[in-house]
Amino acid sequence: MSELNSSFSIKKWSENDRPREKLIAKGKNSLTDAELIAILIGSGSRSESAVALSKRILGSVDHKISALGKLSVKQLMQFKGIGEAKAIAIVAGLELGRRRRNEDEEIVPKITCSKDVFNLLNPVIGDLEHEEFWVLFLNNAHKVIQKKQISIGGKTGTLVDARIVFRSALEFGATGIIIAHNHPSGSLQPSVSDKDLTQKLKQGGHSLDIKVLDHLIITEKNYFSFADESLL
């Protein structure tokens, strides 16, 4: 290996500049985003260190981790120096971070307004590239008994079986439900099918004495509430 190429090997760096050693010596909080990603990918290329490569990737998404988490394996492989294995490592690492964030979200003990629902479900579905339909199951005091994913769709829609929704509600002993789904497009405008589904579930719940309290359309930054807009 030439002197130029060897200079890009992490092993040749000052110990304080090596991401792995820095993590051990100074703790995980001391590392930059680029250094953390460099640890995930392990090595750079002959002409670029792992940290420099990570900085270049982050720069392409304005240094926003949330935006990086949306890139697919195929998209990451467009960067010189990122093969399939490294791309998978980045995707897997960021997905673990997303799941940890979901686990750390404390279930709101009581739903008092549509904003409570948004705060609870936005970390789960707000930044997804496909549609998912979720239901919050509540008791008489509007406390959350359970939250559950009902269906997964594509970029423009997802099918929902009302029987699954109400079977789950009966299993959990819920007296009320709040339904929600995301719009990957970022649009907050409810579609005709969104309105039809809301009325279908409302009518189905009436016969079972299970009230549909709200339906939220959630995007990365905002939401639309059927209840707030008097559409229930």
C-alpha atoms as a PDB file:
ATOM      1  CA  MET A   1       0.000   0.000   0.000  1.00  0.00           C
ATOM      2  CA  SER A   2       1.341   3.419  -0.912  1.00  0.00           C
ATOM      3  CA  GLU A   3       2.057   6.124   1.669  1.00  0.00           C
ATOM      4  CA  LEU A   4      -0.960   8.066   0.349  1.00  0.00           C
ATOM      5  CA  ASN A   5      -3.337   5.133   0.700  1.00  0.00           C
ATOM      6  CA  SER A   6      -2.086   4.148   4.151  1.00  0.00           C
ATOM      7  CA  SER A   7      -2.775   7.654   5.456  1.00  0.00           C
ATOM      8  CA  PHE A   8      -6.487   6.994   5.062  1.00  0.00           C
ATOM      9  CA  SER A   9      -6.456   3.921   7.280  1.00  0.00           C
ATOM     10  CA  ILE A  10      -8.055   4.556  10.688  1.00  0.00           C
ATOM     11  CA  LYS A  11      -5.295   2.473  12.293  1.00  0.00           C
ATOM     12  CA  LYS A  12      -2.730   5.092  11.241  1.00  0.00           C
ATOM     13  CA  TRP A  13      -4.574   7.995  12.846  1.00  0.00           C
ATOM     14  CA  SER A  14      -3.821   9.549  16.220  1.00  0.00           C
ATOM     15  CA  GLU A  15      -5.534   7.452  18.885  1.00  0.00           C
ATOM     16  CA  ASN A  16      -7.745  10.425  19.851  1.00  0.00           C
ATOM     17  CA  ASP A  17      -9.005  10.652  16.261  1.00  0.00           C
ATOM     18  CA  ARG A  18     -10.029   7.000  15.875  1.00  0.00           C
ATOM     19  CA  PRO A  19     -13.800   6.685  16.326  1.00  0.00           C
ATOM     20  CA  ARG A  20     -13.709   3.308  18.075  1.00  0.00           C
ATOM     21  CA  GLU A  21     -10.935   4.284  20.463  1.00  0.00           C
ATOM     22  CA  LYS A  22     -12.551   7.679  21.018  1.00  0.00           C
ATOM     23  CA  LEU A  23     -15.823   5.982  21.999  1.00  0.00           C
ATOM     24  CA  ILE A  24     -14.019   3.780  24.544  1.00  0.00           C
ATOM     25  CA  ALA A  25     -11.876   6.579  25.947  1.00  0.00           C
ATOM     26  CA  LYS A  26     -14.350   9.458  25.967  1.00  0.00           C
ATOM     27  CA  GLY A  27     -17.765   7.842  25.700  1.00  0.00           C
ATOM     28  CA  LYS A  28     -20.367   7.643  22.935  1.00  0.00           C
ATOM     29  CA  ASN A  29     -21.559  11.226  23.398  1.00  0.00           C
ATOM     30  CA  SER A  30     -18.136  12.539  22.376  1.00  0.00           C
ATOM     31  CA  LEU A  31     -18.483  11.218  18.824  1.00  0.00           C
ATOM     32  CA  THR A  32     -19.866  13.239  15.950  1.00  0.00           C
ATOM     33  CA  ASP A  33     -22.588  11.826  13.709  1.00  0.00           C
ATOM     34  CA  ALA A  34     -19.973  11.169  11.030  1.00  0.00           C
ATOM     35  CA  GLU A  35     -17.756   9.271  13.462  1.00  0.00           C
ATOM     36  CA  LEU A  36     -20.660   7.084  14.579  1.00  0.00           C
ATOM     37  CA  ILE A  37     -21.506   6.255  10.973  1.00  0.00           C
ATOM     38  CA  ALA A  38     -17.818   5.570  10.298  1.00  0.00           C
ATOM     39  CA  ILE A  39     -17.916   2.902  12.994  1.00  0.00           C
ATOM     40  CA  LEU A  40     -20.954   1.346  11.296  1.00  0.00           C
ATOM     41  CA  ILE A  41     -19.260   1.107   7.898  1.00  0.00           C
ATOM     42  CA  GLY A  42     -15.879   0.092   9.331  1.00  0.00           C
ATOM     43  CA  SER A  43     -13.610   1.452   6.597  1.00  0.00           C
ATOM     44  CA  GLY A  44     -13.444   3.967   3.807  1.00  0.00           C
ATOM     45  CA  SER A  45     -11.877   3.644   0.391  1.00  0.00           C
ATOM     46  CA  ARG A  46      -8.313   3.971  -0.857  1.00  0.00           C
ATOM     47  CA  SER A  47      -8.765   7.692  -1.371  1.00  0.00           C
ATOM     48  CA  GLU A  48     -11.104   8.565   1.486  1.00  0.00           C
ATOM     49  CA  SER A  49     -11.322   7.722   5.180  1.00  0.00           C
ATOM     50  CA  ALA A  50     -14.463   6.247   6.710  1.00  0.00           C
ATOM     51  CA  VAL A  51     -15.123   9.520   8.542  1.00  0.00           C
ATOM     52  CA  ALA A  52     -14.660  11.614   5.400  1.00  0.00           C
ATOM     53  CA  LEU A  53     -16.977   9.282   3.501  1.00  0.00           C
ATOM     54  CA  SER A  54     -19.535   9.539   6.293  1.00  0.00           C
ATOM     55  CA  LYS A  55     -19.299  13.338   6.226  1.00  0.00           C
ATOM     56  CA  ARG A  56     -19.935  13.298   2.488  1.00  0.00           C
ATOM     57  CA  ILE A  57     -23.026  11.106   2.901  1.00  0.00           C
ATOM     58  CA  LEU A  58     -24.354  13.303   5.720  1.00  0.00           C
ATOM     59  CA  GLY A  59     -23.710  16.402   3.637  1.00  0.00           C
ATOM     60  CA  SER A  60     -25.993  15.052   0.924  1.00  0.00           C
ATOM     61  CA  VAL A  61     -28.932  15.107   3.376  1.00  0.00           C
ATOM     62  CA  ASP A  62     -28.037  18.435   5.037  1.00  0.00           C
ATOM     63  CA  HIS A  63     -26.559  16.538   7.988  1.00  0.00           C
ATOM     64  CA  LYS A  64     -29.997  15.393   9.107  1.00  0.00           C
ATOM     65  CA  ILE A  65     -30.091  11.883  10.594  1.00  0.00           C
ATOM     66  CA  SER A  66     -33.843  11.632   9.989  1.00  0.00           C
ATOM     67  CA  ALA A  67     -33.294  12.244   6.265  1.00  0.00           C
ATOM     68  CA  LEU A  68     -30.422   9.747   6.169  1.00  0.00           C
ATOM     69  CA  GLY A  69     -32.721   7.149   7.736  1.00  0.00           C
ATOM     70  CA  LYS A  70     -35.023   7.420   4.722  1.00  0.00           C
ATOM     71  CA  LEU A  71     -32.355   6.389   2.219  1.00  0.00           C
ATOM     72  CA  SER A  72     -32.603   2.849   0.908  1.00  0.00           C
ATOM     73  CA  VAL A  73     -29.749   0.388   0.492  1.00  0.00           C
ATOM     74  CA  LYS A  74     -29.799   1.088  -3.239  1.00  0.00           C
ATOM     75  CA  GLN A  75     -29.616   4.853  -2.718  1.00  0.00           C
ATOM     76  CA  LEU A  76     -26.702   4.554  -0.287  1.00  0.00           C
ATOM     77  CA  MET A  77     -24.818   2.378  -2.751  1.00  0.00           C
ATOM     78  CA  GLN A  78     -24.750   5.335  -5.158  1.00  0.00           C
ATOM     79  CA  PHE A  79     -21.977   6.850  -2.996  1.00  0.00           C
ATOM     80  CA  LYS A  80     -18.487   5.853  -4.082  1.00  0.00           C
ATOM     81  CA  GLY A  81     -17.019   3.640  -1.385  1.00  0.00           C
ATOM     82  CA  ILE A  82     -20.355   2.289  -0.162  1.00  0.00           C
ATOM     83  CA  GLY A  83     -21.060  -1.276  -1.212  1.00  0.00           C
ATOM     84  CA  GLU A  84     -24.045  -3.391  -0.286  1.00  0.00           C
ATOM     85  CA  ALA A  85     -22.624  -4.546   3.075  1.00  0.00           C
ATOM     86  CA  LYS A  86     -21.845  -1.001   4.226  1.00  0.00           C
ATOM     87  CA  ALA A  87     -25.219   0.283   3.022  1.00  0.00           C
ATOM     88  CA  ILE A  88     -26.995  -2.480   4.939  1.00  0.00           C
ATOM     89  CA  ALA A  89     -24.979  -1.633   8.065  1.00  0.00           C
ATOM     90  CA  ILE A  90     -26.084   2.017   7.876  1.00  0.00           C
ATOM     91  CA  VAL A  91     -29.744   1.123   7.286  1.00  0.00           C
ATOM     92  CA  ALA A  92     -29.733  -1.429  10.099  1.00  0.00           C
ATOM     93  CA  GLY A  93     -28.012   0.943  12.535  1.00  0.00           C
ATOM     94  CA  LEU A  94     -30.461   3.774  11.881  1.00  0.00           C
ATOM     95  CA  GLU A  95     -33.441   1.416  12.077  1.00  0.00           C
ATOM     96  CA  LEU A  96     -32.286   0.277  15.522  1.00  0.00           C
ATOM     97  CA  GLY A  97     -32.122   3.927  16.551  1.00  0.00           C
ATOM     98  CA  ARG A  98     -35.654   4.500  15.268  1.00  0.00           C
ATOM     99  CA  ARG A  99     -36.954   1.469  17.163  1.00  0.00           C
ATOM    100  CA  ARG A 100     -35.240   2.572  20.348  1.00  0.00           C
ATOM    101  CA  ARG A 101     -36.877   5.975  20.011  1.00  0.00           C
ATOM    102  CA  ASN A 102     -40.250   4.255  19.675  1.00  0.00           C
ATOM    103  CA  GLU A 103     -39.611   2.204  22.814  1.00  0.00           C
ATOM    104  CA  ASP A 104     -38.528   5.283  24.727  1.00  0.00           C
ATOM    105  CA  GLU A 105     -41.790   7.033  23.888  1.00  0.00           C
ATOM    106  CA  GLU A 106     -43.882   6.784  27.025  1.00  0.00           C
ATOM    107  CA  ILE A 107     -47.499   5.927  26.286  1.00  0.00           C
ATOM    108  CA  VAL A 108     -49.658   8.940  27.075  1.00  0.00           C
ATOM    109  CA  PRO A 109     -51.666   7.851  30.133  1.00  0.00           C
ATOM    110  CA  LYS A 110     -54.668   9.835  28.979  1.00  0.00           C
ATOM    111  CA  ILE A 111     -55.629  11.321  25.627  1.00  0.00           C
ATOM    112  CA  THR A 112     -56.936  14.831  26.140  1.00  0.00           C
ATOM    113  CA  CYS A 113     -56.625  16.238  22.621  1.00  0.00           C
ATOM    114  CA  SER A 114     -55.505  15.431  19.085  1.00  0.00           C
ATOM    115  CA  LYS A 115     -52.007  16.750  19.855  1.00  0.00           C
ATOM    116  CA  ASP A 116     -51.538  13.917  22.374  1.00  0.00           C
ATOM    117  CA  VAL A 117     -52.249  11.416  19.614  1.00  0.00           C
ATOM    118  CA  PHE A 118     -49.834  13.128  17.238  1.00  0.00           C
ATOM    119  CA  ASN A 119     -47.071  13.165  19.855  1.00  0.00           C
ATOM    120  CA  LEU A 120     -47.587   9.460  20.466  1.00  0.00           C
ATOM    121  CA  LEU A 121     -47.723   8.250  16.867  1.00  0.00           C
ATOM    122  CA  ASN A 122     -45.597  10.731  14.952  1.00  0.00           C
ATOM    123  CA  PRO A 123     -42.326   9.007  16.006  1.00  0.00           C
ATOM    124  CA  VAL A 124     -43.793   5.715  14.790  1.00  0.00           C
ATOM    125  CA  ILE A 125     -45.200   6.634  11.366  1.00  0.00           C
ATOM    126  CA  GLY A 126     -44.439  10.298  10.704  1.00  0.00           C
ATOM    127  CA  ASP A 127     -41.357   9.815   8.518  1.00  0.00           C
ATOM    128  CA  LEU A 128     -42.187   6.522   6.804  1.00  0.00           C
ATOM    129  CA  GLU A 129     -42.032   6.215   3.008  1.00  0.00           C
ATOM    130  CA  HIS A 130     -45.121   3.984   2.943  1.00  0.00           C
ATOM    131  CA  GLU A 131     -48.553   4.181   4.566  1.00  0.00           C
ATOM    132  CA  GLU A 132     -49.373   2.420   7.815  1.00  0.00           C
ATOM    133  CA  PHE A 133     -52.680   2.322   9.671  1.00  0.00           C
ATOM    134  CA  TRP A 134     -52.620   2.315  13.478  1.00  0.00           C
ATOM    135  CA  VAL A 135     -55.264   2.255  16.185  1.00  0.00           C
ATOM    136  CA  LEU A 136     -55.149   3.483  19.778  1.00  0.00           C
ATOM    137  CA  PHE A 137     -57.453   1.511  22.064  1.00  0.00           C
ATOM    138  CA  LEU A 138     -58.812   3.499  25.011  1.00  0.00           C
ATOM    139  CA  ASN A 139     -60.828   2.811  28.145  1.00  0.00           C
ATOM    140  CA  ASN A 140     -63.659   4.899  29.606  1.00  0.00           C
ATOM    141  CA  ALA A 141     -61.192   7.396  31.069  1.00  0.00           C
ATOM    142  CA  HIS A 142     -59.562   7.836  27.629  1.00  0.00           C
ATOM    143  CA  LYS A 143     -56.403   6.162  28.874  1.00  0.00           C
ATOM    144  CA  VAL A 144     -54.438   4.225  26.261  1.00  0.00           C
ATOM    145  CA  ILE A 145     -54.795   0.475  26.790  1.00  0.00           C
ATOM    146  CA  GLN A 146     -52.846  -0.517  23.702  1.00  0.00           C
ATOM    147  CA  LYS A 147     -51.619   0.796  20.349  1.00  0.00           C
ATOM    148  CA  LYS A 148     -51.524  -1.520  17.365  1.00  0.00           C
ATOM    149  CA  GLN A 149     -50.536  -1.521  13.707  1.00  0.00           C
ATOM    150  CA  ILE A 150     -53.484  -2.769  11.668  1.00  0.00           C
ATOM    151  CA  SER A 151     -52.120  -2.664   8.130  1.00  0.00           C
ATOM    152  CA  ILE A 152     -49.186  -1.657   5.936  1.00  0.00           C
ATOM    153  CA  GLY A 153     -49.587  -0.285   2.426  1.00  0.00           C
ATOM    154  CA  GLY A 154     -47.637   1.448  -0.298  1.00  0.00           C
ATOM    155  CA  LYS A 155     -46.875   5.089  -0.945  1.00  0.00           C
ATOM    156  CA  THR A 156     -50.469   6.005  -1.782  1.00  0.00           C
ATOM    157  CA  GLY A 157     -52.697   3.906   0.442  1.00  0.00           C
ATOM    158  CA  THR A 158     -53.348   0.957   2.716  1.00  0.00           C
ATOM    159  CA  LEU A 159     -56.328  -1.385   3.047  1.00  0.00           C
ATOM    160  CA  VAL A 160     -58.067  -1.630   6.404  1.00  0.00           C
ATOM    161  CA  ASP A 161     -60.295  -4.497   7.567  1.00  0.00           C
ATOM    162  CA  ALA A 162     -62.857  -3.140  10.035  1.00  0.00           C
ATOM    163  CA  ARG A 163     -63.301  -6.622  11.510  1.00  0.00           C
ATOM    164  CA  ILE A 164     -59.659  -6.688  12.641  1.00  0.00           C
ATOM    165  CA  VAL A 165     -60.032  -3.266  14.255  1.00  0.00           C
ATOM    166  CA  PHE A 166     -63.097  -4.193  16.292  1.00  0.00           C
ATOM    167  CA  ARG A 167     -61.922  -7.717  17.111  1.00  0.00           C
ATOM    168  CA  SER A 168     -58.832  -6.146  18.665  1.00  0.00           C
ATOM    169  CA  ALA A 169     -60.969  -3.566  20.471  1.00  0.00           C
ATOM    170  CA  LEU A 170     -63.065  -6.323  22.027  1.00  0.00           C
ATOM    171  CA  GLU A 171     -59.951  -8.295  22.997  1.00  0.00           C
ATOM    172  CA  PHE A 172     -58.476  -5.261  24.763  1.00  0.00           C
ATOM    173  CA  GLY A 173     -61.783  -4.305  26.366  1.00  0.00           C
ATOM    174  CA  ALA A 174     -61.672  -0.869  24.740  1.00  0.00           C
ATOM    175  CA  THR A 175     -64.665   1.458  24.846  1.00  0.00           C
ATOM    176  CA  GLY A 176     -63.179   3.931  22.407  1.00  0.00           C
ATOM    177  CA  ILE A 177     -60.660   3.959  19.558  1.00  0.00           C
ATOM    178  CA  ILE A 178     -58.619   6.578  17.743  1.00  0.00           C
ATOM    179  CA  ILE A 179     -57.529   5.655  14.252  1.00  0.00           C
ATOM    180  CA  ALA A 180     -54.537   7.144  12.461  1.00  0.00           C
ATOM    181  CA  HIS A 181     -52.496   6.744   9.323  1.00  0.00           C
ATOM    182  CA  ASN A 182     -49.640   8.619   7.669  1.00  0.00           C
ATOM    183  CA  HIS A 183     -49.383  10.347   4.309  1.00  0.00           C
ATOM    184  CA  PRO A 184     -45.836   9.909   2.899  1.00  0.00           C
ATOM    185  CA  SER A 185     -46.624  12.637   0.357  1.00  0.00           C
ATOM    186  CA  GLY A 186     -46.826  15.186   3.168  1.00  0.00           C
ATOM    187  CA  SER A 187     -50.370  16.154   2.226  1.00  0.00           C
ATOM    188  CA  LEU A 188     -52.801  16.651   5.085  1.00  0.00           C
ATOM    189  CA  GLN A 189     -55.862  16.617   2.836  1.00  0.00           C
ATOM    190  CA  PRO A 190     -58.110  13.610   3.610  1.00  0.00           C
ATOM    191  CA  SER A 191     -59.064  11.550   0.572  1.00  0.00           C
ATOM    192  CA  VAL A 192     -62.545  10.304  -0.226  1.00  0.00           C
ATOM    193  CA  SER A 193     -61.482   6.824   0.926  1.00  0.00           C
ATOM    194  CA  ASP A 194     -60.202   8.317   4.217  1.00  0.00           C
ATOM    195  CA  LYS A 195     -63.617   9.876   4.830  1.00  0.00           C
ATOM    196  CA  ASP A 196     -65.480   6.722   3.810  1.00  0.00           C
ATOM    197  CA  LEU A 197     -63.351   4.563   6.106  1.00  0.00           C
ATOM    198  CA  THR A 198     -63.957   6.917   9.019  1.00  0.00           C
ATOM    199  CA  GLN A 199     -67.728   6.704   8.587  1.00  0.00           C
ATOM    200  CA  LYS A 200     -67.605   2.929   8.098  1.00  0.00           C
ATOM    201  CA  LEU A 201     -65.700   2.445  11.354  1.00  0.00           C
ATOM    202  CA  LYS A 202     -67.911   4.948  13.159  1.00  0.00           C
ATOM    203  CA  GLN A 203     -71.042   3.027  12.133  1.00  0.00           C
ATOM    204  CA  GLY A 204     -69.470  -0.323  12.980  1.00  0.00           C
ATOM    205  CA  GLY A 205     -68.414   0.904  16.388  1.00  0.00           C
ATOM    206  CA  HIS A 206     -71.880   2.235  17.160  1.00  0.00           C
ATOM    207  CA  SER A 207     -73.406  -1.251  17.071  1.00  0.00           C
ATOM    208  CA  LEU A 208     -70.682  -2.543  19.430  1.00  0.00           C
ATOM    209  CA  ASP A 209     -70.828   0.488  21.724  1.00  0.00           C
ATOM    210  CA  ILE A 210     -67.231   1.340  20.800  1.00  0.00           C
ATOM    211  CA  LYS A 211     -66.849   4.994  19.922  1.00  0.00           C
ATOM    212  CA  VAL A 212     -64.512   6.257  17.200  1.00  0.00           C
ATOM    213  CA  LEU A 213     -63.122   9.349  18.915  1.00  0.00           C
ATOM    214  CA  ASP A 214     -60.889  10.679  16.151  1.00  0.00           C
ATOM    215  CA  HIS A 215     -59.039   9.917  12.938  1.00  0.00           C
ATOM    216  CA  LEU A 216     -55.649  11.542  12.390  1.00  0.00           C
ATOM    217  CA  ILE A 217     -53.678  11.926   9.185  1.00  0.00           C
ATOM    218  CA  ILE A 218     -50.047  12.264  10.240  1.00  0.00           C
ATOM    219  CA  THR A 219     -47.069  13.648   8.347  1.00  0.00           C
ATOM    220  CA  GLU A 220     -43.501  14.261   9.478  1.00  0.00           C
ATOM    221  CA  LYS A 221     -44.240  17.717  10.896  1.00  0.00           C
ATOM    222  CA  ASN A 222     -48.002  18.110  11.207  1.00  0.00           C
ATOM    223  CA  TYR A 223     -51.377  16.374  11.359  1.00  0.00           C
ATOM    224  CA  PHE A 224     -55.028  16.612  10.409  1.00  0.00           C
ATOM    225  CA  SER A 225     -57.725  15.701  12.936  1.00  0.00           C
ATOM    226  CA  PHE A 226     -61.204  14.660  11.811  1.00  0.00           C
ATOM    227  CA  ALA A 227     -62.565  15.515  15.258  1.00  0.00           C
ATOM    228  CA  ASP A 228     -60.991  18.977  15.302  1.00  0.00           C
ATOM    229  CA  GLU A 229     -62.453  19.668  11.861  1.00  0.00           C
ATOM    230  CA  SER A 230     -65.929  18.361  12.877  1.00  0.00           C
ATOM    231  CA  LEU A 231     -65.799  15.542  10.322  1.00  0.00           C
ATOM    232  CA  LEU A 232     -66.808  12.767  12.732  1.00  0.00           C
END
